Amino acid sequence: MKISKQARRDGKALFNNCRVNGVLDENRVRQTVSAVIAQKPRGYVGILSHFQRLVKLDIERRTARVESAVSVSDALQQSVKANLAQRYGQGLSVSFAVNPTLIGGLRVKVGSDVFDGSVKARLAELEANF
């Protein structure tokens, strides 16, 4: 379904109204969706679908996944969280996972940014150079 320019503008305006100090407020999102559904303005389906897209993108941008070959110590976890908060701002949700296929090092994914410092990636790069 094609979304009109006006629906995009309205969806973006709703999205911007749901942000508090640069971070999306979950309660405001719920209230906004309920209000739009209750009022049913012209093109409200397009407005809500664009609004949903913006919310999903913001959630992805605020979610970090850190993978390592072995479990990471608490001190290193705190250090990684602090560095990510410094780079991406507060309100970042960080999850840690163990992926033994990495062999060693860390792989960090925040939104569409991927920082791969794993041994597996370095070996793949070395293989590609030969």
C-alpha atoms as a PDB file:
ATOM      1  CA  MET A   1       0.000   0.000   0.000  1.00  0.00           C
ATOM      2  CA  LYS A   2       1.325   3.399  -0.989  1.00  0.00           C
ATOM      3  CA  ILE A   3       1.351   5.975   1.778  1.00  0.00           C
ATOM      4  CA  SER A   4       0.524   9.571   0.886  1.00  0.00           C
ATOM      5  CA  LYS A   5       2.883  12.424   1.685  1.00  0.00           C
ATOM      6  CA  GLN A   6       0.396  13.874   4.140  1.00  0.00           C
ATOM      7  CA  ALA A   7       0.125  10.535   5.971  1.00  0.00           C
ATOM      8  CA  ARG A   8       3.934  10.397   6.162  1.00  0.00           C
ATOM      9  CA  ARG A   9       4.051  13.923   7.589  1.00  0.00           C
ATOM     10  CA  ASP A  10       1.345  13.131  10.119  1.00  0.00           C
ATOM     11  CA  GLY A  11       3.030   9.870  11.137  1.00  0.00           C
ATOM     12  CA  LYS A  12       6.347  11.647  11.609  1.00  0.00           C
ATOM     13  CA  ALA A  13       4.703  14.398  13.652  1.00  0.00           C
ATOM     14  CA  LEU A  14       3.091  11.781  15.899  1.00  0.00           C
ATOM     15  CA  PHE A  15       6.454  10.024  16.248  1.00  0.00           C
ATOM     16  CA  ASN A  16       8.214  13.254  17.218  1.00  0.00           C
ATOM     17  CA  ASN A  17       5.509  13.983  19.809  1.00  0.00           C
ATOM     18  CA  CYS A  18       6.150  10.583  21.418  1.00  0.00           C
ATOM     19  CA  ARG A  19       9.818  11.361  22.104  1.00  0.00           C
ATOM     20  CA  VAL A  20      10.948  12.634  25.497  1.00  0.00           C
ATOM     21  CA  ASN A  21      14.529  13.936  25.698  1.00  0.00           C
ATOM     22  CA  GLY A  22      15.355  12.161  22.444  1.00  0.00           C
ATOM     23  CA  VAL A  23      14.082   8.773  23.664  1.00  0.00           C
ATOM     24  CA  LEU A  24      10.802   7.188  22.620  1.00  0.00           C
ATOM     25  CA  ASP A  25       8.252   7.013  25.468  1.00  0.00           C
ATOM     26  CA  GLU A  26       6.317   3.746  25.386  1.00  0.00           C
ATOM     27  CA  ASN A  27       3.263   5.155  27.183  1.00  0.00           C
ATOM     28  CA  ARG A  28       2.991   8.061  24.751  1.00  0.00           C
ATOM     29  CA  VAL A  29       3.165   5.622  21.832  1.00  0.00           C
ATOM     30  CA  ARG A  30       0.269   3.596  23.254  1.00  0.00           C
ATOM     31  CA  GLN A  31      -1.797   6.718  23.943  1.00  0.00           C
ATOM     32  CA  THR A  32      -1.108   8.088  20.470  1.00  0.00           C
ATOM     33  CA  VAL A  33      -2.136   4.885  18.710  1.00  0.00           C
ATOM     34  CA  SER A  34      -5.301   4.651  20.829  1.00  0.00           C
ATOM     35  CA  ALA A  35      -6.190   8.283  20.085  1.00  0.00           C
ATOM     36  CA  VAL A  36      -5.680   7.892  16.328  1.00  0.00           C
ATOM     37  CA  ILE A  37      -7.752   4.700  16.245  1.00  0.00           C
ATOM     38  CA  ALA A  38     -10.533   6.399  18.253  1.00  0.00           C
ATOM     39  CA  GLN A  39     -10.588   9.521  16.034  1.00  0.00           C
ATOM     40  CA  LYS A  40     -10.072   7.688  12.713  1.00  0.00           C
ATOM     41  CA  PRO A  41      -8.875  10.685  10.703  1.00  0.00           C
ATOM     42  CA  ARG A  42      -8.681  10.527   6.934  1.00  0.00           C
ATOM     43  CA  GLY A  43      -5.919   8.115   5.889  1.00  0.00           C
ATOM     44  CA  TYR A  44      -5.362   6.884   9.436  1.00  0.00           C
ATOM     45  CA  VAL A  45      -4.212   3.442   8.251  1.00  0.00           C
ATOM     46  CA  GLY A  46      -1.373   5.032   6.275  1.00  0.00           C
ATOM     47  CA  ILE A  47      -0.525   7.314   9.191  1.00  0.00           C
ATOM     48  CA  LEU A  48      -0.341   4.391  11.604  1.00  0.00           C
ATOM     49  CA  SER A  49       1.685   2.204   9.254  1.00  0.00           C
ATOM     50  CA  HIS A  50       4.275   4.960   8.759  1.00  0.00           C
ATOM     51  CA  PHE A  51       4.258   5.630  12.509  1.00  0.00           C
ATOM     52  CA  GLN A  52       4.837   1.908  13.142  1.00  0.00           C
ATOM     53  CA  ARG A  53       7.753   1.888  10.699  1.00  0.00           C
ATOM     54  CA  LEU A  54       9.375   4.844  12.490  1.00  0.00           C
ATOM     55  CA  VAL A  55       8.898   3.195  15.894  1.00  0.00           C
ATOM     56  CA  LYS A  56      10.472  -0.074  14.661  1.00  0.00           C
ATOM     57  CA  LEU A  57      13.459   1.787  13.237  1.00  0.00           C
ATOM     58  CA  ASP A  58      13.941   3.673  16.500  1.00  0.00           C
ATOM     59  CA  ILE A  59      13.777   0.458  18.534  1.00  0.00           C
ATOM     60  CA  GLU A  60      16.400  -1.137  16.272  1.00  0.00           C
ATOM     61  CA  ARG A  61      18.589   1.958  16.607  1.00  0.00           C
ATOM     62  CA  ARG A  62      18.346   1.730  20.397  1.00  0.00           C
ATOM     63  CA  THR A  63      19.130  -2.009  20.620  1.00  0.00           C
ATOM     64  CA  ALA A  64      22.667  -3.384  20.758  1.00  0.00           C
ATOM     65  CA  ARG A  65      23.674  -7.042  20.523  1.00  0.00           C
ATOM     66  CA  VAL A  66      27.177  -8.006  21.608  1.00  0.00           C
ATOM     67  CA  GLU A  67      28.427 -11.475  20.668  1.00  0.00           C
ATOM     68  CA  SER A  68      31.594 -13.090  21.931  1.00  0.00           C
ATOM     69  CA  ALA A  69      33.203 -16.519  21.638  1.00  0.00           C
ATOM     70  CA  VAL A  70      33.162 -17.037  25.424  1.00  0.00           C
ATOM     71  CA  SER A  71      31.153 -15.479  28.225  1.00  0.00           C
ATOM     72  CA  VAL A  72      32.246 -11.935  29.004  1.00  0.00           C
ATOM     73  CA  SER A  73      33.199 -10.771  32.504  1.00  0.00           C
ATOM     74  CA  ASP A  74      31.063  -8.199  34.305  1.00  0.00           C
ATOM     75  CA  ALA A  75      33.837  -5.597  34.121  1.00  0.00           C
ATOM     76  CA  LEU A  76      34.089  -5.966  30.344  1.00  0.00           C
ATOM     77  CA  GLN A  77      30.291  -5.834  30.022  1.00  0.00           C
ATOM     78  CA  GLN A  78      30.198  -2.556  31.933  1.00  0.00           C
ATOM     79  CA  SER A  79      33.025  -1.169  29.813  1.00  0.00           C
ATOM     80  CA  VAL A  80      31.264  -2.116  26.565  1.00  0.00           C
ATOM     81  CA  LYS A  81      27.977  -0.622  27.813  1.00  0.00           C
ATOM     82  CA  ALA A  82      29.725   2.613  28.788  1.00  0.00           C
ATOM     83  CA  ASN A  83      31.473   2.903  25.409  1.00  0.00           C
ATOM     84  CA  LEU A  84      28.239   2.224  23.519  1.00  0.00           C
ATOM     85  CA  ALA A  85      26.334   4.753  25.650  1.00  0.00           C
ATOM     86  CA  GLN A  86      29.021   7.324  24.947  1.00  0.00           C
ATOM     87  CA  ARG A  87      28.813   6.690  21.205  1.00  0.00           C
ATOM     88  CA  TYR A  88      25.032   6.239  20.795  1.00  0.00           C
ATOM     89  CA  GLY A  89      23.622   8.104  23.801  1.00  0.00           C
ATOM     90  CA  GLN A  90      21.583   7.005  26.778  1.00  0.00           C
ATOM     91  CA  GLY A  91      18.606   4.663  26.516  1.00  0.00           C
ATOM     92  CA  LEU A  92      20.488   1.926  24.676  1.00  0.00           C
ATOM     93  CA  SER A  93      19.371  -1.636  25.425  1.00  0.00           C
ATOM     94  CA  VAL A  94      22.426  -3.930  25.381  1.00  0.00           C
ATOM     95  CA  SER A  95      22.262  -7.737  25.282  1.00  0.00           C
ATOM     96  CA  PHE A  96      25.213 -10.109  25.444  1.00  0.00           C
ATOM     97  CA  ALA A  97      25.338 -13.514  23.764  1.00  0.00           C
ATOM     98  CA  VAL A  98      27.876 -16.298  23.321  1.00  0.00           C
ATOM     99  CA  ASN A  99      28.657 -17.385  19.745  1.00  0.00           C
ATOM    100  CA  PRO A 100      31.478 -19.983  19.693  1.00  0.00           C
ATOM    101  CA  THR A 101      31.816 -19.741  15.888  1.00  0.00           C
ATOM    102  CA  LEU A 102      33.511 -16.341  16.329  1.00  0.00           C
ATOM    103  CA  ILE A 103      36.630 -18.140  17.697  1.00  0.00           C
ATOM    104  CA  GLY A 104      37.617 -14.986  19.631  1.00  0.00           C
ATOM    105  CA  GLY A 105      36.954 -11.248  19.887  1.00  0.00           C
ATOM    106  CA  LEU A 106      33.656  -9.344  19.847  1.00  0.00           C
ATOM    107  CA  ARG A 107      30.956  -8.608  17.300  1.00  0.00           C
ATOM    108  CA  VAL A 108      28.716  -5.630  18.108  1.00  0.00           C
ATOM    109  CA  LYS A 109      25.531  -4.813  16.189  1.00  0.00           C
ATOM    110  CA  VAL A 110      23.651  -1.567  16.909  1.00  0.00           C
ATOM    111  CA  GLY A 111      20.823  -0.931  14.467  1.00  0.00           C
ATOM    112  CA  SER A 112      22.422  -1.228  11.047  1.00  0.00           C
ATOM    113  CA  ASP A 113      25.976  -0.619  12.350  1.00  0.00           C
ATOM    114  CA  VAL A 114      28.135  -3.714  12.764  1.00  0.00           C
ATOM    115  CA  PHE A 115      31.548  -3.663  14.421  1.00  0.00           C
ATOM    116  CA  ASP A 116      33.203  -7.025  13.860  1.00  0.00           C
ATOM    117  CA  GLY A 117      36.471  -7.527  15.719  1.00  0.00           C
ATOM    118  CA  SER A 118      36.217 -11.298  15.773  1.00  0.00           C
ATOM    119  CA  VAL A 119      38.903 -13.741  14.738  1.00  0.00           C
ATOM    120  CA  LYS A 120      36.446 -15.308  12.294  1.00  0.00           C
ATOM    121  CA  ALA A 121      36.049 -11.985  10.438  1.00  0.00           C
ATOM    122  CA  ARG A 122      39.798 -11.419  10.368  1.00  0.00           C
ATOM    123  CA  LEU A 123      40.381 -14.911   8.944  1.00  0.00           C
ATOM    124  CA  ALA A 124      37.713 -14.327   6.303  1.00  0.00           C
ATOM    125  CA  GLU A 125      39.365 -11.030   5.368  1.00  0.00           C
ATOM    126  CA  LEU A 126      42.764 -12.713   5.177  1.00  0.00           C
ATOM    127  CA  GLU A 127      41.304 -15.467   3.000  1.00  0.00           C
ATOM    128  CA  ALA A 128      39.750 -12.873   0.663  1.00  0.00           C
ATOM    129  CA  ASN A 129      43.142 -11.157   0.255  1.00  0.00           C
ATOM    130  CA  PHE A 130      44.845 -14.341  -0.943  1.00  0.00           C
END
